[in-house]
N, C-alpha and C. Protein backbone atom coordinates (compact mmCIF):
# COMPACT_ATOMS: atom_id res chain seq x y z
N MET A 1 -127.13 -39.96 161.07
CA MET A 1 -128.35 -40.28 160.33
C MET A 1 -129.35 -39.17 160.73
N SER A 2 -130.13 -38.75 159.70
CA SER A 2 -131.23 -37.71 159.93
C SER A 2 -132.46 -38.39 159.07
N PHE A 3 -133.57 -37.73 159.70
CA PHE A 3 -134.82 -38.37 159.16
C PHE A 3 -135.39 -37.35 158.02
N GLN A 4 -136.03 -38.01 157.02
CA GLN A 4 -136.53 -37.23 155.96
C GLN A 4 -137.94 -36.72 156.20
N ILE A 5 -138.62 -36.86 157.39
CA ILE A 5 -139.86 -36.35 157.53
C ILE A 5 -140.09 -34.89 157.60
N TYR A 6 -139.00 -34.15 157.85
CA TYR A 6 -139.01 -32.71 157.70
C TYR A 6 -139.28 -32.25 156.21
N ARG A 7 -138.97 -33.04 155.20
CA ARG A 7 -139.29 -32.76 153.93
C ARG A 7 -140.79 -32.67 153.68
N ASN A 8 -141.62 -33.14 154.50
CA ASN A 8 -143.15 -33.00 154.37
C ASN A 8 -143.72 -31.79 154.94
N THR A 9 -142.77 -30.84 155.49
CA THR A 9 -143.28 -29.64 155.95
C THR A 9 -143.33 -28.58 154.77
N SER A 10 -143.98 -27.40 155.03
CA SER A 10 -144.16 -26.51 153.92
C SER A 10 -142.73 -26.01 153.51
N VAL A 11 -141.87 -25.86 154.37
CA VAL A 11 -140.36 -25.39 154.12
C VAL A 11 -139.76 -26.53 153.25
N GLY A 12 -139.84 -27.69 153.70
CA GLY A 12 -139.23 -28.79 152.91
C GLY A 12 -139.88 -29.06 151.52
N GLU A 13 -141.18 -28.90 151.46
CA GLU A 13 -141.81 -29.06 150.15
C GLU A 13 -141.46 -28.03 149.03
N SER A 14 -141.15 -26.73 149.71
CA SER A 14 -140.85 -25.60 148.85
C SER A 14 -139.37 -25.90 148.39
N LEU A 15 -138.56 -26.30 149.36
CA LEU A 15 -137.18 -26.58 148.93
C LEU A 15 -137.11 -27.68 147.86
N GLN A 16 -137.96 -28.71 148.09
CA GLN A 16 -137.83 -29.77 146.99
C GLN A 16 -138.43 -29.30 145.54
N GLU A 17 -139.49 -28.43 145.65
CA GLU A 17 -140.00 -27.87 144.28
C GLU A 17 -138.81 -26.92 143.73
N THR A 18 -138.23 -26.21 144.49
CA THR A 18 -137.06 -25.34 144.00
C THR A 18 -136.07 -26.12 143.35
N ILE A 19 -135.66 -27.26 144.13
CA ILE A 19 -134.49 -28.09 143.66
C ILE A 19 -134.91 -28.67 142.29
N GLU A 20 -136.21 -29.27 142.22
CA GLU A 20 -136.66 -29.84 141.02
C GLU A 20 -136.60 -28.97 139.89
N GLN A 21 -137.05 -27.65 140.03
CA GLN A 21 -137.07 -26.71 139.00
C GLN A 21 -135.71 -26.41 138.63
N MET A 22 -134.67 -26.18 139.53
CA MET A 22 -133.38 -25.97 139.19
C MET A 22 -132.64 -27.01 138.45
N ALA A 23 -133.05 -28.22 138.84
CA ALA A 23 -132.41 -29.42 138.04
C ALA A 23 -132.95 -29.50 136.64
N GLN A 24 -134.40 -29.13 136.54
CA GLN A 24 -134.96 -29.26 135.11
C GLN A 24 -134.19 -28.08 134.34
N GLU A 25 -133.83 -27.01 134.95
CA GLU A 25 -133.06 -25.98 134.21
C GLU A 25 -131.70 -26.22 134.13
N GLU A 26 -131.26 -27.39 134.53
CA GLU A 26 -129.92 -27.85 134.47
C GLU A 26 -128.88 -26.86 135.31
N LYS A 27 -129.40 -26.30 136.40
CA LYS A 27 -128.58 -25.41 137.24
C LYS A 27 -128.03 -26.19 138.39
N LEU A 28 -128.66 -27.47 138.59
CA LEU A 28 -128.13 -28.21 139.62
C LEU A 28 -127.91 -29.67 139.14
N THR A 29 -126.81 -30.32 139.58
CA THR A 29 -126.71 -31.75 139.34
C THR A 29 -127.51 -32.59 140.28
N GLU A 30 -127.75 -33.70 139.96
CA GLU A 30 -128.37 -34.68 140.93
C GLU A 30 -127.73 -34.90 142.13
N GLU A 31 -126.31 -34.94 142.09
CA GLU A 31 -125.52 -35.14 143.22
C GLU A 31 -125.60 -34.01 144.26
N ILE A 32 -125.58 -32.70 143.70
CA ILE A 32 -125.77 -31.65 144.45
C ILE A 32 -127.20 -31.40 145.02
N ALA A 33 -128.24 -31.77 144.27
CA ALA A 33 -129.55 -31.73 144.75
C ALA A 33 -129.64 -32.65 145.95
N LEU A 34 -129.20 -34.03 146.00
CA LEU A 34 -129.30 -34.86 146.99
C LEU A 34 -128.50 -34.43 148.22
N ALA A 35 -127.28 -33.70 148.01
CA ALA A 35 -126.64 -33.23 149.09
C ALA A 35 -127.30 -32.10 149.86
N VAL A 36 -128.05 -31.23 149.05
CA VAL A 36 -128.72 -30.14 149.59
C VAL A 36 -129.94 -30.70 150.60
N LEU A 37 -130.53 -31.74 149.97
CA LEU A 37 -131.74 -32.34 150.80
C LEU A 37 -131.28 -33.07 152.00
N LYS A 38 -130.09 -33.81 152.02
CA LYS A 38 -129.48 -34.41 153.16
C LYS A 38 -129.09 -33.40 154.11
N GLN A 39 -128.52 -32.17 153.73
CA GLN A 39 -128.16 -31.19 154.72
C GLN A 39 -129.27 -30.61 155.33
N PHE A 40 -130.42 -30.42 154.48
CA PHE A 40 -131.78 -29.87 155.10
C PHE A 40 -132.20 -30.81 156.14
N ASP A 41 -132.24 -32.20 155.85
CA ASP A 41 -132.72 -33.00 157.02
C ASP A 41 -131.85 -33.01 158.23
N THR A 42 -130.63 -32.92 158.13
CA THR A 42 -129.78 -32.79 159.22
C THR A 42 -129.81 -31.45 159.97
N SER A 43 -129.97 -30.41 159.23
CA SER A 43 -130.09 -28.94 159.70
C SER A 43 -131.44 -28.73 160.63
N MET A 44 -132.54 -29.40 159.92
CA MET A 44 -133.81 -29.29 160.64
C MET A 44 -133.84 -30.08 161.94
N SER A 45 -133.21 -31.23 162.00
CA SER A 45 -133.12 -31.99 163.20
C SER A 45 -132.28 -31.33 164.15
N LYS A 46 -131.16 -30.71 163.96
CA LYS A 46 -130.36 -29.94 164.75
C LYS A 46 -131.07 -28.68 165.24
N ALA A 47 -131.73 -28.01 164.42
CA ALA A 47 -132.50 -26.78 164.84
C ALA A 47 -133.58 -26.99 165.90
N ILE A 48 -134.27 -28.00 165.59
CA ILE A 48 -135.28 -28.40 166.54
C ILE A 48 -134.73 -28.84 167.88
N LYS A 49 -133.74 -29.46 167.95
CA LYS A 49 -133.15 -29.86 169.22
C LYS A 49 -132.48 -28.59 169.88
N GLU A 50 -132.01 -27.70 169.32
CA GLU A 50 -131.33 -26.56 169.90
C GLU A 50 -132.35 -25.33 170.15
N PHE A 51 -133.24 -25.11 169.33
CA PHE A 51 -133.97 -23.97 169.41
C PHE A 51 -135.35 -24.10 170.06
N VAL A 52 -135.90 -25.30 169.80
CA VAL A 52 -137.32 -25.50 170.20
C VAL A 52 -137.47 -25.75 171.68
N THR A 53 -138.04 -24.98 172.43
CA THR A 53 -138.05 -24.99 173.97
C THR A 53 -139.52 -25.23 174.48
N GLY A 54 -140.39 -25.16 173.58
CA GLY A 54 -141.88 -25.15 174.00
C GLY A 54 -142.28 -26.58 174.64
N LYS A 55 -143.37 -26.51 175.42
CA LYS A 55 -143.98 -27.70 175.99
C LYS A 55 -145.33 -27.71 175.35
N ALA A 56 -145.68 -29.06 175.08
CA ALA A 56 -147.03 -29.19 174.32
C ALA A 56 -147.57 -30.53 174.97
N THR A 57 -148.97 -30.40 175.09
CA THR A 57 -149.84 -31.68 175.34
C THR A 57 -150.81 -31.83 174.24
N MET A 58 -151.30 -33.08 174.20
CA MET A 58 -152.27 -33.44 173.25
C MET A 58 -153.39 -34.36 173.85
N LYS A 59 -154.60 -34.13 173.47
CA LYS A 59 -155.62 -34.98 173.96
C LYS A 59 -156.49 -35.40 172.76
N ALA A 60 -156.68 -36.70 172.57
CA ALA A 60 -157.56 -37.10 171.32
C ALA A 60 -158.07 -38.48 171.47
N ASN A 61 -158.96 -38.74 170.63
CA ASN A 61 -159.39 -40.23 170.43
C ASN A 61 -158.41 -40.79 169.26
N MET A 62 -157.88 -41.96 169.65
CA MET A 62 -157.06 -42.64 168.59
C MET A 62 -157.96 -43.46 167.70
N LYS A 63 -157.84 -43.08 166.39
CA LYS A 63 -158.66 -43.92 165.46
C LYS A 63 -157.80 -45.04 164.97
N THR A 64 -156.54 -44.87 164.61
CA THR A 64 -155.66 -46.02 164.17
C THR A 64 -154.12 -45.57 164.57
N TYR A 65 -153.36 -46.77 164.60
CA TYR A 65 -151.97 -46.49 164.71
C TYR A 65 -151.29 -47.52 164.02
N HIS A 66 -150.08 -47.23 163.67
CA HIS A 66 -149.23 -48.04 162.76
C HIS A 66 -147.76 -47.81 163.25
N TYR A 67 -146.92 -49.02 163.35
CA TYR A 67 -145.63 -48.94 163.70
C TYR A 67 -144.85 -49.69 162.57
N TYR A 68 -143.81 -49.00 161.99
CA TYR A 68 -143.04 -49.66 160.92
C TYR A 68 -141.65 -49.01 160.86
N GLU A 69 -140.63 -49.83 161.11
CA GLU A 69 -139.23 -49.36 161.02
C GLU A 69 -138.95 -48.23 161.96
N ASN A 70 -139.35 -48.32 163.31
CA ASN A 70 -139.05 -47.33 164.31
C ASN A 70 -139.86 -46.04 164.10
N VAL A 71 -140.97 -46.06 163.39
CA VAL A 71 -141.67 -44.91 163.21
C VAL A 71 -143.15 -45.24 163.49
N TRP A 72 -143.76 -44.49 164.58
CA TRP A 72 -145.17 -44.62 164.88
C TRP A 72 -145.90 -43.54 164.09
N THR A 73 -147.19 -43.95 163.54
CA THR A 73 -148.03 -43.02 162.81
C THR A 73 -149.40 -43.16 163.49
N PHE A 74 -149.94 -42.10 164.12
CA PHE A 74 -151.27 -42.14 164.73
C PHE A 74 -152.29 -41.39 163.88
N SER A 75 -153.54 -41.90 163.69
CA SER A 75 -154.53 -41.17 163.15
C SER A 75 -155.44 -40.74 164.34
N LEU A 76 -155.77 -39.44 164.52
CA LEU A 76 -156.53 -39.08 165.72
C LEU A 76 -157.78 -38.32 165.31
N GLU A 77 -158.78 -38.36 166.18
CA GLU A 77 -159.99 -37.70 165.97
C GLU A 77 -160.24 -36.85 167.29
N LYS A 78 -160.97 -35.82 167.28
CA LYS A 78 -161.37 -34.86 168.25
C LYS A 78 -160.20 -34.57 168.91
N VAL A 79 -159.32 -33.86 168.47
CA VAL A 79 -157.96 -33.45 168.80
C VAL A 79 -157.82 -32.12 169.53
N GLU A 80 -157.21 -32.13 170.60
CA GLU A 80 -156.87 -30.75 171.25
C GLU A 80 -155.41 -30.72 171.62
N PHE A 81 -154.74 -29.62 171.04
CA PHE A 81 -153.45 -29.37 171.36
C PHE A 81 -153.29 -28.25 172.36
N LYS A 82 -152.37 -28.31 173.29
CA LYS A 82 -152.16 -27.07 174.02
C LYS A 82 -150.60 -26.88 173.96
N LEU A 83 -150.17 -25.57 173.77
CA LEU A 83 -148.83 -25.30 173.61
C LEU A 83 -148.38 -24.07 174.64
N ASN A 84 -147.41 -24.39 175.36
CA ASN A 84 -146.80 -23.37 176.29
C ASN A 84 -145.41 -23.05 175.62
N GLN A 85 -145.30 -21.95 174.85
CA GLN A 85 -144.13 -21.66 174.26
C GLN A 85 -142.93 -21.38 175.03
N ALA A 86 -143.07 -20.97 176.48
CA ALA A 86 -141.95 -20.90 177.32
C ALA A 86 -141.41 -22.16 177.70
N GLY A 87 -142.06 -23.25 177.61
CA GLY A 87 -141.45 -24.61 177.77
C GLY A 87 -141.47 -24.97 179.31
N ASN A 88 -142.02 -23.98 180.25
CA ASN A 88 -142.02 -24.40 181.59
C ASN A 88 -143.24 -23.83 182.31
N GLY A 89 -143.39 -24.28 183.46
CA GLY A 89 -144.54 -23.82 184.09
C GLY A 89 -145.87 -24.64 183.76
N SER A 90 -147.04 -24.11 184.24
CA SER A 90 -148.29 -24.92 184.04
C SER A 90 -148.80 -24.73 182.62
N MET A 91 -149.60 -25.65 182.29
CA MET A 91 -150.29 -25.70 180.97
C MET A 91 -151.58 -24.95 181.00
N ASN A 92 -152.05 -24.36 182.24
CA ASN A 92 -153.25 -23.84 182.38
C ASN A 92 -153.46 -22.65 181.49
N GLY A 93 -152.60 -21.71 181.31
CA GLY A 93 -152.59 -20.63 180.46
C GLY A 93 -152.18 -20.82 179.07
N ALA A 94 -151.93 -22.16 178.72
CA ALA A 94 -151.29 -22.43 177.31
C ALA A 94 -152.37 -22.24 176.25
N GLN A 95 -151.83 -21.78 174.97
CA GLN A 95 -152.65 -21.73 173.86
C GLN A 95 -153.24 -22.88 173.56
N SER A 96 -154.49 -23.01 173.04
CA SER A 96 -155.14 -24.16 172.81
C SER A 96 -155.52 -24.23 171.15
N LEU A 97 -155.49 -25.38 170.58
CA LEU A 97 -155.91 -25.61 169.11
C LEU A 97 -156.59 -26.92 169.04
N ALA A 98 -157.90 -26.92 168.47
CA ALA A 98 -158.62 -28.12 168.36
C ALA A 98 -158.93 -28.31 166.83
N CYS A 99 -158.92 -29.48 166.49
CA CYS A 99 -159.35 -30.02 165.23
C CYS A 99 -159.97 -31.29 165.17
N ASP A 100 -160.70 -31.61 164.10
CA ASP A 100 -161.52 -32.89 164.06
C ASP A 100 -160.62 -33.97 163.90
N THR A 101 -159.62 -34.00 163.03
CA THR A 101 -158.81 -35.10 162.76
C THR A 101 -157.28 -34.58 162.64
N ALA A 102 -156.28 -35.51 162.95
CA ALA A 102 -154.93 -35.17 162.88
C ALA A 102 -154.16 -36.43 162.66
N LYS A 103 -153.07 -36.33 161.85
CA LYS A 103 -152.11 -37.45 161.82
C LYS A 103 -150.85 -36.97 162.49
N VAL A 104 -150.39 -37.86 163.37
CA VAL A 104 -149.16 -37.56 163.98
C VAL A 104 -147.98 -38.76 163.82
N VAL A 105 -146.86 -38.21 163.46
CA VAL A 105 -145.69 -39.23 163.16
C VAL A 105 -144.85 -38.97 164.17
N VAL A 106 -144.34 -40.05 164.78
CA VAL A 106 -143.44 -39.97 165.87
C VAL A 106 -142.19 -40.88 165.71
N VAL A 107 -140.93 -40.24 165.72
CA VAL A 107 -139.79 -40.90 165.62
C VAL A 107 -138.81 -40.68 166.83
N ASP A 108 -138.15 -41.81 167.32
CA ASP A 108 -137.26 -41.69 168.44
C ASP A 108 -135.99 -40.88 168.07
N ALA A 109 -135.92 -39.73 168.70
CA ALA A 109 -134.73 -38.70 168.27
C ALA A 109 -133.49 -39.30 168.26
N LYS A 110 -133.35 -40.37 169.31
CA LYS A 110 -131.99 -41.07 169.47
C LYS A 110 -131.65 -41.85 168.23
N LEU A 111 -132.68 -42.24 167.59
CA LEU A 111 -132.36 -43.07 166.25
C LEU A 111 -131.74 -42.19 165.26
N GLY A 112 -132.03 -40.87 165.16
CA GLY A 112 -131.50 -40.03 164.23
C GLY A 112 -130.10 -39.67 164.58
N GLU A 113 -129.57 -39.91 165.74
CA GLU A 113 -128.20 -39.58 166.11
C GLU A 113 -127.37 -41.04 166.01
N GLY A 114 -128.05 -41.95 165.52
CA GLY A 114 -127.33 -43.21 165.18
C GLY A 114 -127.23 -44.11 166.57
N GLU A 115 -127.97 -43.68 167.65
CA GLU A 115 -127.97 -44.38 168.74
C GLU A 115 -129.03 -45.42 168.90
N THR A 116 -128.97 -46.40 169.70
CA THR A 116 -129.95 -47.41 169.94
C THR A 116 -130.71 -46.96 171.22
N PRO A 117 -132.16 -46.85 171.10
CA PRO A 117 -132.80 -46.44 172.29
C PRO A 117 -132.74 -47.44 173.37
N ALA A 118 -132.85 -47.15 174.60
CA ALA A 118 -132.78 -48.07 175.59
C ALA A 118 -134.18 -48.82 175.66
N ALA A 119 -134.17 -50.09 175.97
CA ALA A 119 -135.34 -50.82 175.93
C ALA A 119 -136.08 -50.65 177.23
């Protein structure tokens, strides 16, 4: 099982727009379009697990949170992200990014593998 949340990224949205256009031009069947999107979901999940090695921290004021079907959604204010691209060492020299508000969606990666997370 893979998650469809990557479809909300700029790459995912571009892919969906292209698929819709090709479907309207009758260059793709609905079955192939759905297969492409499913493969995209699987490939994004796999690529993130294999290639993303960075370490990040986040500091914010939580405005609201919501939990539904194993997905947490947090609305945050006064947000500061720090990213250490190397993935190891101290966060002291990490790049920093601040914003007034952010929405963070969190899904347990083990659920995407069809596993049940430990309680």
